[in-house]
Protein backbone atom coordinates (compact mmCIF):
# COMPACT_ATOMS: atom_id res chain seq x y z
CA ARG A 1 137.85 -97.39 -89.37
CA ILE A 2 139.10 -96.45 -85.95
CA THR A 3 138.23 -93.55 -83.69
CA ALA A 4 139.61 -92.44 -80.34
CA ALA A 5 137.48 -90.90 -77.63
CA LYS A 6 138.66 -89.31 -74.42
CA ASP A 7 137.34 -92.37 -72.55
CA GLY A 8 138.08 -95.19 -75.00
CA ILE A 9 138.71 -96.51 -78.51
CA VAL A 10 136.33 -97.67 -81.26
CA ILE A 11 137.31 -100.07 -84.06
CA ALA A 12 134.65 -100.54 -86.75
CA THR A 13 134.80 -102.44 -90.03
CA ASP A 14 132.58 -103.92 -92.69
CA LYS A 15 132.52 -107.64 -93.49
CA LYS A 16 132.55 -107.77 -97.29
CA LEU A 17 132.14 -111.40 -98.32
CA SER A 18 133.15 -113.00 -101.61
CA SER A 19 129.93 -115.05 -101.75
CA GLU A 20 126.42 -114.77 -100.35
CA LEU A 21 126.73 -118.43 -99.32
CA ILE A 22 129.33 -117.66 -96.64
CA ASP A 23 127.95 -117.70 -93.10
CA VAL A 24 128.75 -114.22 -91.73
CA VAL A 25 128.70 -115.54 -88.15
CA ASN A 26 132.04 -117.26 -88.77
CA VAL A 27 133.78 -114.25 -90.36
CA HIS A 28 135.63 -111.98 -87.91
CA LYS A 29 137.65 -108.92 -88.86
CA VAL A 30 137.85 -107.47 -85.33
CA GLU A 31 139.82 -109.64 -82.89
CA LYS A 32 140.77 -109.38 -79.24
CA ILE A 33 144.54 -109.62 -78.67
CA THR A 34 144.82 -108.80 -74.96
CA PRO A 35 142.14 -107.94 -72.40
CA THR A 36 142.80 -104.27 -73.21
CA ALA A 37 143.55 -104.33 -76.96
CA GLY A 38 141.84 -105.20 -80.24
CA ILE A 39 142.82 -105.28 -83.89
CA CYS A 40 141.26 -105.16 -87.37
CA TYR A 41 142.65 -105.23 -90.90
CA ALA A 42 142.34 -104.43 -94.58
CA GLY A 43 143.91 -106.87 -97.01
CA VAL A 44 144.56 -110.61 -97.18
CA GLY A 45 142.60 -112.60 -94.57
CA PRO A 46 145.06 -115.50 -94.09
CA ASP A 47 147.91 -113.04 -93.49
CA TYR A 48 145.77 -111.36 -90.83
CA ARG A 49 145.20 -114.66 -89.03
CA VAL A 50 148.98 -115.27 -88.90
CA ILE A 51 149.58 -111.81 -87.41
CA VAL A 52 146.76 -112.25 -84.86
CA GLN A 53 148.32 -115.53 -83.68
CA ARG A 54 151.78 -113.93 -83.47
CA ALA A 55 150.39 -110.96 -81.55
CA ARG A 56 148.60 -113.22 -79.06
CA LYS A 57 151.76 -115.26 -78.50
CA SER A 58 153.75 -112.07 -77.96
CA SER A 59 151.25 -110.72 -75.42
CA GLN A 60 151.13 -114.07 -73.58
CA ALA A 61 154.93 -114.20 -73.37
CA TYR A 62 154.94 -110.65 -72.01
CA PHE A 63 152.34 -111.59 -69.39
CA ARG A 64 154.30 -114.69 -68.29
CA THR A 65 157.44 -112.59 -67.86
CA TYR A 66 156.05 -109.42 -66.23
CA ARG A 67 152.68 -110.58 -64.80
CA GLU A 68 150.87 -107.65 -66.38
CA VAL A 69 149.04 -106.97 -69.62
CA GLN A 70 151.31 -105.85 -72.45
CA PRO A 71 150.93 -102.10 -73.11
CA ILE A 72 149.52 -101.29 -76.54
CA SER A 73 152.69 -99.43 -77.59
CA GLN A 74 154.83 -102.52 -76.92
CA LEU A 75 152.33 -104.82 -78.65
CA VAL A 76 152.32 -102.64 -81.77
CA LYS A 77 156.12 -102.51 -81.77
CA ASP A 78 156.25 -106.33 -81.70
CA ILE A 79 153.68 -106.69 -84.51
CA ALA A 80 155.48 -104.09 -86.64
CA GLY A 81 158.79 -105.90 -86.04
CA VAL A 82 157.38 -109.15 -87.40
CA MET A 83 155.90 -107.40 -90.45
CA GLN A 84 159.14 -105.52 -91.15
CA GLU A 85 161.19 -108.72 -90.89
CA TYR A 86 159.10 -110.25 -93.68
CA THR A 87 160.11 -107.41 -96.03
CA GLN A 88 163.81 -108.35 -95.92
CA ARG A 89 164.07 -112.13 -95.40
CA GLY A 90 164.59 -114.48 -98.32
CA GLY A 91 161.95 -117.06 -99.14
CA VAL A 92 159.03 -115.08 -97.72
CA ARG A 93 156.87 -112.24 -98.99
CA PRO A 94 155.66 -109.15 -97.10
CA PHE A 95 152.32 -109.41 -95.35
CA GLY A 96 149.49 -108.15 -97.56
CA ILE A 97 147.65 -106.28 -94.82
CA SER A 98 147.38 -102.95 -93.06
CA LEU A 99 146.31 -103.07 -89.42
CA LEU A 100 144.48 -100.83 -87.00
CA VAL A 101 145.28 -101.61 -83.37
CA GLY A 102 143.56 -99.94 -80.43
CA GLY A 103 143.95 -100.34 -76.70
CA LEU A 104 145.32 -98.96 -73.46
CA ASP A 105 148.92 -98.05 -72.82
CA GLY A 106 150.78 -98.74 -69.58
CA ASP A 107 149.45 -95.54 -67.98
CA GLY A 108 145.84 -96.35 -68.95
CA THR A 109 145.72 -93.87 -71.84
CA PRO A 110 143.63 -94.97 -74.86
CA ARG A 111 145.87 -95.22 -77.94
CA LEU A 112 145.37 -96.27 -81.52
CA TYR A 113 147.90 -97.22 -84.15
CA GLN A 114 148.08 -98.03 -87.83
CA VAL A 115 150.64 -100.62 -88.98
CA ASP A 116 151.55 -100.71 -92.68
CA PRO A 117 152.77 -103.81 -94.60
CA SER A 118 156.31 -102.38 -94.43
CA GLY A 119 156.24 -102.55 -90.63
CA ALA A 120 155.99 -98.77 -90.24
CA TYR A 121 153.53 -97.74 -87.54
CA PHE A 122 151.86 -94.47 -86.59
CA SER A 123 149.74 -93.23 -83.70
CA TRP A 124 146.42 -91.56 -84.64
CA LYS A 125 143.47 -89.78 -83.07
CA ALA A 126 141.24 -91.23 -85.80
CA THR A 127 142.02 -92.91 -89.11
CA ALA A 128 140.81 -95.32 -91.78
CA ILE A 129 142.36 -97.99 -93.99
CA GLY A 130 141.13 -100.08 -96.89
CA ARG A 131 138.61 -99.31 -99.60
CA ASN A 132 137.54 -95.65 -99.79
CA TYR A 133 139.93 -94.67 -96.99
CA VAL A 134 140.57 -91.15 -98.36
CA ASN A 135 136.90 -90.15 -98.10
CA ALA A 136 136.65 -91.85 -94.72
CA LYS A 137 139.66 -89.91 -93.39
CA ASN A 138 138.20 -86.65 -94.69
CA PHE A 139 134.92 -87.45 -92.93
CA LEU A 140 136.76 -88.26 -89.68
CA GLU A 141 138.68 -84.98 -89.88
CA ARG A 142 135.38 -83.10 -89.98
CA ARG A 143 133.67 -85.14 -87.24
CA SER A 144 136.32 -86.13 -84.68
CA THR A 145 137.17 -83.97 -81.66
CA ASP A 146 139.49 -84.38 -78.68
CA VAL A 147 136.57 -84.22 -76.25
CA MET A 148 134.40 -86.86 -77.94
CA GLU A 149 132.79 -89.40 -75.58
CA LEU A 150 132.86 -93.13 -76.38
CA GLU A 151 129.17 -93.19 -77.40
CA ASP A 152 129.78 -90.32 -79.84
CA ALA A 153 132.86 -92.12 -81.19
CA ILE A 154 130.77 -95.25 -81.90
CA HIS A 155 128.24 -93.17 -83.85
CA THR A 156 131.04 -91.38 -85.72
CA ALA A 157 132.67 -94.70 -86.65
CA LEU A 158 129.37 -96.07 -87.99
CA LEU A 159 128.67 -92.88 -89.96
CA THR A 160 132.18 -93.08 -91.41
CA LEU A 161 131.55 -96.66 -92.53
CA ARG A 162 128.27 -95.59 -94.12
CA GLU A 163 130.11 -92.97 -96.24
CA GLY A 164 131.63 -95.63 -98.49
CA PHE A 165 129.39 -98.60 -97.81
CA GLU A 166 128.11 -100.61 -100.76
CA GLY A 167 124.63 -102.00 -100.20
CA GLU A 168 122.62 -101.93 -96.99
CA MET A 169 124.52 -101.55 -93.73
CA LYS A 170 123.16 -104.15 -91.30
CA ALA A 171 124.26 -105.47 -87.92
CA ASP A 172 125.46 -108.74 -89.43
CA ASN A 173 127.74 -107.19 -92.06
CA ILE A 174 129.72 -104.85 -89.80
CA GLU A 175 131.77 -105.38 -86.65
CA VAL A 176 132.53 -102.94 -83.85
CA GLY A 177 135.08 -103.39 -81.08
CA ILE A 178 135.49 -100.99 -78.17
CA VAL A 179 137.95 -100.37 -75.37
CA LYS A 180 136.22 -98.66 -72.47
CA SER A 181 137.91 -96.49 -69.88
CA ASP A 182 137.82 -99.45 -67.47
CA GLY A 183 140.36 -101.07 -69.79
CA LYS A 184 138.31 -103.95 -71.15
CA PHE A 185 138.16 -104.68 -74.88
CA SER A 186 134.94 -106.16 -76.21
CA VAL A 187 133.26 -106.78 -79.55
CA LEU A 188 129.68 -105.52 -79.72
CA THR A 189 126.94 -108.07 -80.35
CA PRO A 190 124.78 -107.75 -83.49
CA GLU A 191 121.92 -106.62 -81.22
CA GLN A 192 124.03 -103.81 -79.75
CA ILE A 193 125.18 -102.77 -83.22
CA GLN A 194 121.58 -102.71 -84.45
CA ASP A 195 120.64 -100.38 -81.58
CA TYR A 196 123.39 -97.96 -82.65
CA LEU A 197 122.32 -98.21 -86.30
CA ASP A 198 118.73 -97.43 -85.33
CA GLU A 199 119.92 -94.36 -83.40
CA ALA A 200 122.01 -93.22 -86.38
CA ASN A 201 119.03 -93.39 -88.79
């Protein structure tokens, strides 16, 4: 789930594990790509890791060339280009993932994008992908506003997750990444997430 605020971006996702024996500390669905951009996914985990590595290489190449952080619009265009290429080349299959990418554009404006397996990408104010995305989008349509502050956007993202969550929502089975107005992307610690969950209850 991803939500834009007037002063930042929120990316929130659940960590559904295939076994209770998996250590949740080592499972990450929200990743930092550049100092000002983060990404999460729905779909096939190994495909996601490939795209994250490609995106990081792209942003590093951009930085070496221009000596500035790659704007989110350019980063998304590069990611979408890679994904689209895999729909038409022989000997490879399309990536089995949809992505949500949030960050700052060249002018400092918070932006968020959805990238489909086909390589098509769209800009959103708030959206959801993955399991139960229709209900999540309906919930976001009712809750999101253009004047929402970052703190409100975090609460809205968590409430959206709760709408379709199976089991108990705890700090160790969800992840939240934020881009603040100062331009820095960070992933909230489990302690910070727990504080927000306590406020939401």
